Amino acid sequence: MNEVFLIGKIISDIEFKFIINSKNKAIACFVIKTADKQIVRVQAYNKLADFAYSKLNTNDKVFINGYIETNIVKAKCINIY
Protein backbone atom coordinates (compact mmCIF):
# COMPACT_ATOMS: atom_id res chain seq x y z
CA MET A 1 0.00 0.00 0.00
CA ASN A 2 1.33 3.44 -0.96
CA GLU A 3 0.45 5.95 1.75
CA VAL A 4 0.17 9.55 0.56
CA PHE A 5 -0.22 12.97 2.15
CA LEU A 6 -1.65 15.67 -0.12
CA ILE A 7 -2.52 19.34 0.22
CA GLY A 8 -4.61 20.90 -2.48
CA LYS A 9 -7.67 22.87 -3.50
CA ILE A 10 -10.93 21.15 -4.40
CA ILE A 11 -11.70 21.93 -8.05
CA SER A 12 -14.88 19.88 -8.54
CA ASP A 13 -18.25 19.41 -6.92
CA ILE A 14 -18.46 16.70 -4.26
CA GLU A 15 -20.26 13.72 -5.80
CA PHE A 16 -22.06 11.50 -3.26
CA LYS A 17 -23.46 8.02 -3.92
CA PHE A 18 -24.78 5.03 -2.02
CA ILE A 19 -23.43 1.59 -2.88
CA ILE A 20 -25.55 -1.54 -2.56
CA ASN A 21 -24.02 -4.95 -1.71
CA SER A 22 -20.62 -3.60 -0.75
CA LYS A 23 -18.69 -3.31 2.51
CA ASN A 24 -18.59 0.45 1.88
CA LYS A 25 -22.09 1.92 1.97
CA ALA A 26 -21.45 5.55 0.93
CA ILE A 27 -18.85 7.12 -1.34
CA ALA A 28 -17.89 10.74 -2.00
CA CYS A 29 -15.70 11.60 -4.99
CA PHE A 30 -13.97 14.87 -5.80
CA VAL A 31 -10.90 16.26 -7.55
CA ILE A 32 -8.12 18.37 -6.05
CA LYS A 33 -5.33 20.41 -7.63
CA THR A 34 -2.01 20.45 -5.75
CA ALA A 35 0.43 23.38 -5.54
CA ASP A 36 2.47 21.94 -8.42
CA LYS A 37 -0.67 21.77 -10.61
CA GLN A 38 -1.19 18.00 -10.35
CA ILE A 39 -4.82 16.89 -10.67
CA VAL A 40 -5.75 14.10 -8.23
CA ARG A 41 -9.05 12.21 -7.94
CA VAL A 42 -10.04 11.43 -4.33
CA GLN A 43 -12.58 8.96 -2.94
CA ALA A 44 -13.85 8.83 0.64
CA TYR A 45 -16.07 6.13 2.12
CA ASN A 46 -18.78 5.82 4.78
CA LYS A 47 -18.42 8.38 7.63
CA LEU A 48 -15.61 10.17 5.81
CA ALA A 49 -17.86 10.38 2.72
CA ASP A 50 -20.60 11.93 4.88
CA PHE A 51 -18.07 14.46 6.24
CA ALA A 52 -16.80 15.30 2.74
CA TYR A 53 -20.29 15.81 1.33
CA SER A 54 -21.58 17.90 4.23
CA LYS A 55 -18.49 20.02 5.02
CA LEU A 56 -16.40 20.38 1.84
CA ASN A 57 -17.00 22.81 -1.00
CA THR A 58 -15.35 23.71 -4.29
CA ASN A 59 -12.25 25.90 -3.69
CA ASP A 60 -11.73 24.62 -0.11
CA LYS A 61 -8.10 23.86 0.71
CA VAL A 62 -7.73 20.38 2.19
CA PHE A 63 -5.11 18.06 3.67
CA ILE A 64 -5.69 14.42 2.73
CA ASN A 65 -4.07 11.30 4.14
CA GLY A 66 -4.80 8.13 2.21
CA TYR A 67 -3.39 5.56 -0.17
CA ILE A 68 -3.15 5.19 -3.93
CA GLU A 69 -5.19 2.50 -5.63
CA THR A 70 -5.53 2.42 -9.43
CA ASN A 71 -4.70 6.13 -9.95
CA ILE A 72 -7.18 7.26 -7.29
CA VAL A 73 -6.39 8.35 -3.74
CA LYS A 74 -8.58 6.51 -1.22
CA ALA A 75 -8.83 8.92 1.72
CA LYS A 76 -8.30 7.80 5.33
CA CYS A 77 -8.38 11.34 6.78
CA ILE A 78 -9.46 14.74 5.42
CA ASN A 79 -8.83 18.08 7.13
CA ILE A 80 -9.95 21.53 5.98
CA TYR A 81 -7.37 24.29 6.36
PDB file of N, CA and C in Angstrom:
ATOM      1  N   MET A   1       0.850  -1.169   0.000  1.00  0.00           N
ATOM      2  CA  MET A   1       0.000   0.000   0.000  1.00  0.00           C
ATOM      3  C   MET A   1       0.898   1.235   0.000  1.00  0.00           C
ATOM      4  N   ASN A   2       0.583   2.198  -0.854  1.00  0.00           N
ATOM      5  CA  ASN A   2       1.330   3.442  -0.957  1.00  0.00           C
ATOM      6  C   ASN A   2       0.598   4.542  -0.205  1.00  0.00           C
ATOM      7  N   GLU A   3       1.094   4.901   0.977  1.00  0.00           N
ATOM      8  CA  GLU A   3       0.454   5.954   1.750  1.00  0.00           C
ATOM      9  C   GLU A   3       0.871   7.308   1.205  1.00  0.00           C
ATOM     10  N   VAL A   4      -0.103   8.223   1.083  1.00  0.00           N
ATOM     11  CA  VAL A   4       0.170   9.555   0.559  1.00  0.00           C
ATOM     12  C   VAL A   4      -0.401  10.617   1.486  1.00  0.00           C
ATOM     13  N   PHE A   5       0.237  11.777   1.444  1.00  0.00           N
ATOM     14  CA  PHE A   5      -0.221  12.968   2.147  1.00  0.00           C
ATOM     15  C   PHE A   5      -0.294  14.072   1.106  1.00  0.00           C
ATOM     16  N   LEU A   6      -1.458  14.659   0.915  1.00  0.00           N
ATOM     17  CA  LEU A   6      -1.649  15.672  -0.121  1.00  0.00           C
ATOM     18  C   LEU A   6      -2.285  16.922   0.457  1.00  0.00           C
ATOM     19  N   ILE A   7      -1.867  18.063  -0.064  1.00  0.00           N
ATOM     20  CA  ILE A   7      -2.515  19.336   0.222  1.00  0.00           C
ATOM     21  C   ILE A   7      -2.924  19.910  -1.121  1.00  0.00           C
ATOM     22  N   GLY A   8      -4.158  20.341  -1.221  1.00  0.00           N
ATOM     23  CA  GLY A   8      -4.613  20.902  -2.481  1.00  0.00           C
ATOM     24  C   GLY A   8      -5.939  21.614  -2.334  1.00  0.00           C
ATOM     25  N   LYS A   9      -6.402  22.148  -3.451  1.00  0.00           N
ATOM     26  CA  LYS A   9      -7.669  22.870  -3.503  1.00  0.00           C
ATOM     27  C   LYS A   9      -8.679  22.028  -4.273  1.00  0.00           C
ATOM     28  N   ILE A  10      -9.872  21.906  -3.729  1.00  0.00           N
ATOM     29  CA  ILE A  10     -10.928  21.149  -4.401  1.00  0.00           C
ATOM     30  C   ILE A  10     -11.377  21.927  -5.636  1.00  0.00           C
ATOM     31  N   ILE A  11     -11.348  21.260  -6.792  1.00  0.00           N
ATOM     32  CA  ILE A  11     -11.705  21.934  -8.046  1.00  0.00           C
ATOM     33  C   ILE A  11     -12.948  21.327  -8.702  1.00  0.00           C
ATOM     34  N   SER A  12     -13.654  20.476  -7.989  1.00  0.00           N
ATOM     35  CA  SER A  12     -14.879  19.878  -8.536  1.00  0.00           C
ATOM     36  C   SER A  12     -15.963  19.892  -7.467  1.00  0.00           C
ATOM     37  N   ASP A  13     -17.177  19.617  -7.889  1.00  0.00           N
ATOM     38  CA  ASP A  13     -18.255  19.408  -6.925  1.00  0.00           C
ATOM     39  C   ASP A  13     -18.013  18.085  -6.208  1.00  0.00           C
ATOM     40  N   ILE A  14     -18.547  17.958  -4.999  1.00  0.00           N
ATOM     41  CA  ILE A  14     -18.463  16.702  -4.260  1.00  0.00           C
ATOM     42  C   ILE A  14     -19.607  15.814  -4.746  1.00  0.00           C
ATOM     43  N   GLU A  15     -19.263  14.668  -5.293  1.00  0.00           N
ATOM     44  CA  GLU A  15     -20.261  13.721  -5.802  1.00  0.00           C
ATOM     45  C   GLU A  15     -20.485  12.660  -4.722  1.00  0.00           C
ATOM     46  N   PHE A  16     -21.731  12.429  -4.341  1.00  0.00           N
ATOM     47  CA  PHE A  16     -22.058  11.502  -3.256  1.00  0.00           C
ATOM     48  C   PHE A  16     -22.973  10.409  -3.786  1.00  0.00           C
ATOM     49  N   LYS A  17     -22.650   9.154  -3.459  1.00  0.00           N
ATOM     50  CA  LYS A  17     -23.460   8.016  -3.918  1.00  0.00           C
ATOM     51  C   LYS A  17     -23.592   6.995  -2.795  1.00  0.00           C
ATOM     52  N   PHE A  18     -24.639   6.193  -2.880  1.00  0.00           N
ATOM     53  CA  PHE A  18     -24.780   5.031  -2.016  1.00  0.00           C
ATOM     54  C   PHE A  18     -24.465   3.793  -2.837  1.00  0.00           C
ATOM     55  N   ILE A  19     -23.812   2.825  -2.209  1.00  0.00           N
ATOM     56  CA  ILE A  19     -23.431   1.591  -2.882  1.00  0.00           C
ATOM     57  C   ILE A  19     -24.200   0.442  -2.237  1.00  0.00           C
ATOM     58  N   ILE A  20     -24.800  -0.391  -3.059  1.00  0.00           N
ATOM     59  CA  ILE A  20     -25.552  -1.542  -2.561  1.00  0.00           C
ATOM     60  C   ILE A  20     -24.683  -2.790  -2.697  1.00  0.00           C
ATOM     61  N   ASN A  21     -24.775  -3.686  -1.716  1.00  0.00           N
ATOM     62  CA  ASN A  21     -24.024  -4.947  -1.710  1.00  0.00           C
ATOM     63  C   ASN A  21     -22.513  -4.741  -1.718  1.00  0.00           C
ATOM     64  N   SER A  22     -22.051  -3.869  -0.870  1.00  0.00           N
ATOM     65  CA  SER A  22     -20.618  -3.603  -0.748  1.00  0.00           C
ATOM     66  C   SER A  22     -20.306  -3.363   0.718  1.00  0.00           C
ATOM     67  N   LYS A  23     -19.051  -3.584   1.113  1.00  0.00           N
ATOM     68  CA  LYS A  23     -18.687  -3.314   2.507  1.00  0.00           C
ATOM     69  C   LYS A  23     -18.702  -1.819   2.789  1.00  0.00           C
ATOM     70  N   ASN A  24     -18.475  -0.993   1.756  1.00  0.00           N
ATOM     71  CA  ASN A  24     -18.589   0.455   1.882  1.00  0.00           C
ATOM     72  C   ASN A  24     -19.982   0.861   1.425  1.00  0.00           C
ATOM     73  N   LYS A  25     -20.700   1.590   2.258  1.00  0.00           N
ATOM     74  CA  LYS A  25     -22.094   1.918   1.966  1.00  0.00           C
ATOM     75  C   LYS A  25     -22.260   3.271   1.278  1.00  0.00           C
ATOM     76  N   ALA A  26     -21.359   4.219   1.536  1.00  0.00           N
ATOM     77  CA  ALA A  26     -21.448   5.548   0.934  1.00  0.00           C
ATOM     78  C   ALA A  26     -20.084   5.925   0.371  1.00  0.00           C
ATOM     79  N   ILE A  27     -20.095   6.686  -0.722  1.00  0.00           N
ATOM     80  CA  ILE A  27     -18.852   7.122  -1.338  1.00  0.00           C
ATOM     81  C   ILE A  27     -18.994   8.578  -1.777  1.00  0.00           C
ATOM     82  N   ALA A  28     -17.963   9.361  -1.515  1.00  0.00           N
ATOM     83  CA  ALA A  28     -17.890  10.736  -2.002  1.00  0.00           C
ATOM     84  C   ALA A  28     -16.650  10.836  -2.881  1.00  0.00           C
ATOM     85  N   CYS A  29     -16.807  11.446  -4.047  1.00  0.00           N
ATOM     86  CA  CYS A  29     -15.701  11.602  -4.991  1.00  0.00           C
ATOM     87  C   CYS A  29     -15.522  13.081  -5.307  1.00  0.00           C
ATOM     88  N   PHE A  30     -14.267  13.507  -5.399  1.00  0.00           N
ATOM     89  CA  PHE A  30     -13.970  14.874  -5.805  1.00  0.00           C
ATOM     90  C   PHE A  30     -12.552  14.936  -6.350  1.00  0.00           C
ATOM     91  N   VAL A  31     -12.205  16.073  -6.929  1.00  0.00           N
ATOM     92  CA  VAL A  31     -10.900  16.257  -7.553  1.00  0.00           C
ATOM     93  C   VAL A  31     -10.208  17.434  -6.886  1.00  0.00           C
ATOM     94  N   ILE A  32      -8.901  17.265  -6.593  1.00  0.00           N
ATOM     95  CA  ILE A  32      -8.116  18.368  -6.052  1.00  0.00           C
ATOM     96  C   ILE A  32      -6.981  18.717  -7.009  1.00  0.00           C
ATOM     97  N   LYS A  33      -6.501  19.955  -6.881  1.00  0.00           N
ATOM     98  CA  LYS A  33      -5.330  20.413  -7.626  1.00  0.00           C
ATOM     99  C   LYS A  33      -4.278  20.786  -6.594  1.00  0.00           C
ATOM    100  N   THR A  34      -3.087  20.191  -6.697  1.00  0.00           N
ATOM    101  CA  THR A  34      -2.008  20.453  -5.753  1.00  0.00           C
ATOM    102  C   THR A  34      -1.261  21.724  -6.148  1.00  0.00           C
ATOM    103  N   ALA A  35      -0.340  22.163  -5.288  1.00  0.00           N
ATOM    104  CA  ALA A  35       0.429  23.383  -5.540  1.00  0.00           C
ATOM    105  C   ALA A  35       1.247  23.300  -6.822  1.00  0.00           C
ATOM    106  N   ASP A  36       1.694  22.092  -7.182  1.00  0.00           N
ATOM    107  CA  ASP A  36       2.474  21.942  -8.417  1.00  0.00           C
ATOM    108  C   ASP A  36       1.590  21.571  -9.609  1.00  0.00           C
ATOM    109  N   LYS A  37       0.297  21.899  -9.510  1.00  0.00           N
ATOM    110  CA  LYS A  37      -0.670  21.769 -10.608  1.00  0.00           C
ATOM    111  C   LYS A  37      -1.044  20.336 -10.975  1.00  0.00           C
ATOM    112  N   GLN A  38      -0.771  19.377 -10.101  1.00  0.00           N
ATOM    113  CA  GLN A  38      -1.188  17.999 -10.346  1.00  0.00           C
ATOM    114  C   GLN A  38      -2.677  17.867 -10.028  1.00  0.00           C
ATOM    115  N   ILE A  39      -3.398  17.143 -10.868  1.00  0.00           N
ATOM    116  CA  ILE A  39      -4.822  16.890 -10.672  1.00  0.00           C
ATOM    117  C   ILE A  39      -4.970  15.482 -10.095  1.00  0.00           C
ATOM    118  N   VAL A  40      -5.643  15.381  -8.937  1.00  0.00           N
ATOM    119  CA  VAL A  40      -5.754  14.102  -8.233  1.00  0.00           C
ATOM    120  C   VAL A  40      -7.220  13.831  -7.911  1.00  0.00           C
ATOM    121  N   ARG A  41      -7.689  12.647  -8.260  1.00  0.00           N
ATOM    122  CA  ARG A  41      -9.053  12.214  -7.939  1.00  0.00           C
ATOM    123  C   ARG A  41      -9.026  11.549  -6.566  1.00  0.00           C
ATOM    124  N   VAL A  42      -9.983  11.916  -5.717  1.00  0.00           N
ATOM    125  CA  VAL A  42     -10.037  11.430  -4.335  1.00  0.00           C
ATOM    126  C   VAL A  42     -11.383  10.752  -4.092  1.00  0.00           C
ATOM    127  N   GLN A  43     -11.352   9.632  -3.362  1.00  0.00           N
ATOM    128  CA  GLN A  43     -12.575   8.958  -2.940  1.00  0.00           C
ATOM    129  C   GLN A  43     -12.549   8.800  -1.426  1.00  0.00           C
ATOM    130  N   ALA A  44     -13.696   9.030  -0.801  1.00  0.00           N
ATOM    131  CA  ALA A  44     -13.851   8.832   0.640  1.00  0.00           C
ATOM    132  C   ALA A  44     -15.066   7.937   0.853  1.00  0.00           C
ATOM    133  N   TYR A  45     -15.010   7.106   1.892  1.00  0.00           N
ATOM    134  CA  TYR A  45     -16.068   6.126   2.122  1.00  0.00           C
ATOM    135  C   TYR A  45     -16.731   6.309   3.480  1.00  0.00           C
ATOM    136  N   ASN A  46     -17.989   5.904   3.557  1.00  0.00           N
ATOM    137  CA  ASN A  46     -18.781   5.820   4.778  1.00  0.00           C
ATOM    138  C   ASN A  46     -18.799   7.132   5.557  1.00  0.00           C
ATOM    139  N   LYS A  47     -18.359   7.155   6.824  1.00  0.00           N
ATOM    140  CA  LYS A  47     -18.416   8.375   7.635  1.00  0.00           C
ATOM    141  C   LYS A  47     -17.581   9.497   7.034  1.00  0.00           C
ATOM    142  N   LEU A  48     -16.448   9.159   6.447  1.00  0.00           N
ATOM    143  CA  LEU A  48     -15.609  10.171   5.810  1.00  0.00           C
ATOM    144  C   LEU A  48     -16.306  10.733   4.565  1.00  0.00           C
ATOM    145  N   ALA A  49     -17.069   9.907   3.867  1.00  0.00           N
ATOM    146  CA  ALA A  49     -17.861  10.385   2.725  1.00  0.00           C
ATOM    147  C   ALA A  49     -18.943  11.352   3.199  1.00  0.00           C
ATOM    148  N   ASP A  50     -19.595  11.032   4.309  1.00  0.00           N
ATOM    149  CA  ASP A  50     -20.601  11.929   4.882  1.00  0.00           C
ATOM    150  C   ASP A  50     -19.975  13.272   5.246  1.00  0.00           C
ATOM    151  N   PHE A  51     -18.785  13.231   5.879  1.00  0.00           N
ATOM    152  CA  PHE A  51     -18.073  14.459   6.236  1.00  0.00           C
ATOM    153  C   PHE A  51     -17.752  15.271   4.982  1.00  0.00           C
ATOM    154  N   ALA A  52     -17.192  14.606   3.971  1.00  0.00           N
ATOM    155  CA  ALA A  52     -16.799  15.305   2.740  1.00  0.00           C
ATOM    156  C   ALA A  52     -18.002  15.977   2.090  1.00  0.00           C
ATOM    157  N   TYR A  53     -19.111  15.266   1.998  1.00  0.00           N
ATOM    158  CA  TYR A  53     -20.291  15.811   1.329  1.00  0.00           C
ATOM    159  C   TYR A  53     -20.912  16.971   2.109  1.00  0.00           C
ATOM    160  N   SER A  54     -20.913  16.873   3.429  1.00  0.00           N
ATOM    161  CA  SER A  54     -21.578  17.903   4.233  1.00  0.00           C
ATOM    162  C   SER A  54     -20.691  19.107   4.543  1.00  0.00           C
ATOM    163  N   LYS A  55     -19.380  18.936   4.574  1.00  0.00           N
ATOM    164  CA  LYS A  55     -18.493  20.020   5.017  1.00  0.00           C
ATOM    165  C   LYS A  55     -17.618  20.626   3.925  1.00  0.00           C
ATOM    166  N   LEU A  56     -17.331  19.882   2.854  1.00  0.00           N
ATOM    167  CA  LEU A  56     -16.398  20.377   1.842  1.00  0.00           C
ATOM    168  C   LEU A  56     -17.127  21.066   0.695  1.00  0.00           C
ATOM    169  N   ASN A  57     -16.463  22.066   0.133  1.00  0.00           N
ATOM    170  CA  ASN A  57     -17.001  22.810  -1.004  1.00  0.00           C
ATOM    171  C   ASN A  57     -15.906  23.030  -2.036  1.00  0.00           C
ATOM    172  N   THR A  58     -16.311  23.344  -3.248  1.00  0.00           N
ATOM    173  CA  THR A  58     -15.353  23.705  -4.287  1.00  0.00           C
ATOM    174  C   THR A  58     -14.530  24.899  -3.793  1.00  0.00           C
ATOM    175  N   ASN A  59     -13.242  24.885  -4.069  1.00  0.00           N
ATOM    176  CA  ASN A  59     -12.254  25.902  -3.687  1.00  0.00           C
ATOM    177  C   ASN A  59     -11.777  25.800  -2.242  1.00  0.00           C
ATOM    178  N   ASP A  60     -12.285  24.845  -1.447  1.00  0.00           N
ATOM    179  CA  ASP A  60     -11.727  24.619  -0.110  1.00  0.00           C
ATOM    180  C   ASP A  60     -10.325  24.047  -0.247  1.00  0.00           C
ATOM    181  N   LYS A  61      -9.428  24.469   0.651  1.00  0.00           N
ATOM    182  CA  LYS A  61      -8.103  23.859   0.710  1.00  0.00           C
ATOM    183  C   LYS A  61      -8.169  22.725   1.725  1.00  0.00           C
ATOM    184  N   VAL A  62      -7.628  21.560   1.340  1.00  0.00           N
ATOM    185  CA  VAL A  62      -7.728  20.376   2.190  1.00  0.00           C
ATOM    186  C   VAL A  62      -6.382  19.671   2.318  1.00  0.00           C
ATOM    187  N   PHE A  63      -6.227  18.982   3.436  1.00  0.00           N
ATOM    188  CA  PHE A  63      -5.111  18.063   3.666  1.00  0.00           C
ATOM    189  C   PHE A  63      -5.719  16.673   3.662  1.00  0.00           C
ATOM    190  N   ILE A  64      -5.150  15.778   2.858  1.00  0.00           N
ATOM    191  CA  ILE A  64      -5.690  14.424   2.731  1.00  0.00           C
ATOM    192  C   ILE A  64      -4.605  13.405   3.019  1.00  0.00           C
ATOM    193  N   ASN A  65      -4.923  12.457   3.882  1.00  0.00           N
ATOM    194  CA  ASN A  65      -4.070  11.298   4.139  1.00  0.00           C
ATOM    195  C   ASN A  65      -4.826  10.096   3.600  1.00  0.00           C
ATOM    196  N   GLY A  66      -4.141   9.292   2.782  1.00  0.00           N
ATOM    197  CA  GLY A  66      -4.796   8.131   2.210  1.00  0.00           C
ATOM    198  C   GLY A  66      -3.800   7.223   1.530  1.00  0.00           C
ATOM    199  N   TYR A  67      -4.281   6.436   0.589  1.00  0.00           N
ATOM    200  CA  TYR A  67      -3.395   5.556  -0.165  1.00  0.00           C
ATOM    201  C   TYR A  67      -3.838   5.527  -1.624  1.00  0.00           C
ATOM    202  N   ILE A  68      -2.884   5.211  -2.493  1.00  0.00           N
ATOM    203  CA  ILE A  68      -3.154   5.190  -3.926  1.00  0.00           C
ATOM    204  C   ILE A  68      -3.600   3.796  -4.340  1.00  0.00           C
ATOM    205  N   GLU A  69      -4.693   3.763  -5.087  1.00  0.00           N
ATOM    206  CA  GLU A  69      -5.189   2.504  -5.633  1.00  0.00           C
ATOM    207  C   GLU A  69      -5.747   2.785  -7.027  1.00  0.00           C
ATOM    208  N   THR A  70      -5.106   2.262  -8.037  1.00  0.00           N
ATOM    209  CA  THR A  70      -5.531   2.420  -9.434  1.00  0.00           C
ATOM    210  C   THR A  70      -5.735   3.894  -9.802  1.00  0.00           C
ATOM    211  N   ASN A  71      -4.714   4.706  -9.577  1.00  0.00           N
ATOM    212  CA  ASN A  71      -4.698   6.128  -9.947  1.00  0.00           C
ATOM    213  C   ASN A  71      -5.723   6.988  -9.218  1.00  0.00           C
ATOM    214  N   ILE A  72      -6.245   6.499  -8.115  1.00  0.00           N
ATOM    215  CA  ILE A  72      -7.184   7.257  -7.288  1.00  0.00           C
ATOM    216  C   ILE A  72      -6.677   7.209  -5.854  1.00  0.00           C
ATOM    217  N   VAL A  73      -6.758   8.332  -5.152  1.00  0.00           N
ATOM    218  CA  VAL A  73      -6.388   8.350  -3.738  1.00  0.00           C
ATOM    219  C   VAL A  73      -7.617   7.987  -2.920  1.00  0.00           C
ATOM    220  N   LYS A  74      -7.517   6.925  -2.140  1.00  0.00           N
ATOM    221  CA  LYS A  74      -8.577   6.506  -1.218  1.00  0.00           C
ATOM    222  C   LYS A  74      -8.268   7.172   0.125  1.00  0.00           C
ATOM    223  N   ALA A  75      -9.090   8.109   0.534  1.00  0.00           N
ATOM    224  CA  ALA A  75      -8.827   8.915   1.720  1.00  0.00           C
ATOM    225  C   ALA A  75      -9.054   8.134   3.008  1.00  0.00           C
ATOM    226  N   LYS A  76      -8.135   8.317   3.968  1.00  0.00           N
ATOM    227  CA  LYS A  76      -8.304   7.804   5.331  1.00  0.00           C
ATOM    228  C   LYS A  76      -8.641   8.949   6.277  1.00  0.00           C
ATOM    229  N   CYS A  77      -8.182  10.162   5.929  1.00  0.00           N
ATOM    230  CA  CYS A  77      -8.383  11.335   6.775  1.00  0.00           C
ATOM    231  C   CYS A  77      -8.433  12.571   5.879  1.00  0.00           C
ATOM    232  N   ILE A  78      -9.367  13.477   6.149  1.00  0.00           N
ATOM    233  CA  ILE A  78      -9.464  14.739   5.420  1.00  0.00           C
ATOM    234  C   ILE A  78      -9.584  15.864   6.436  1.00  0.00           C
ATOM    235  N   ASN A  79      -8.758  16.893   6.284  1.00  0.00           N
ATOM    236  CA  ASN A  79      -8.831  18.078   7.133  1.00  0.00           C
ATOM    237  C   ASN A  79      -8.971  19.310   6.257  1.00  0.00           C
ATOM    238  N   ILE A  80      -9.800  20.255   6.680  1.00  0.00           N
ATOM    239  CA  ILE A  80      -9.945  21.529   5.983  1.00  0.00           C
ATOM    240  C   ILE A  80      -8.967  22.499   6.626  1.00  0.00           C
ATOM    241  N   TYR A  81      -8.255  23.264   5.783  1.00  0.00           N
ATOM    242  CA  TYR A  81      -7.374  24.288   6.362  1.00  0.00           C
ATOM    243  C   TYR A  81      -7.498  25.579   5.612  1.00  0.00           C
TER     244      TYR A  81
END
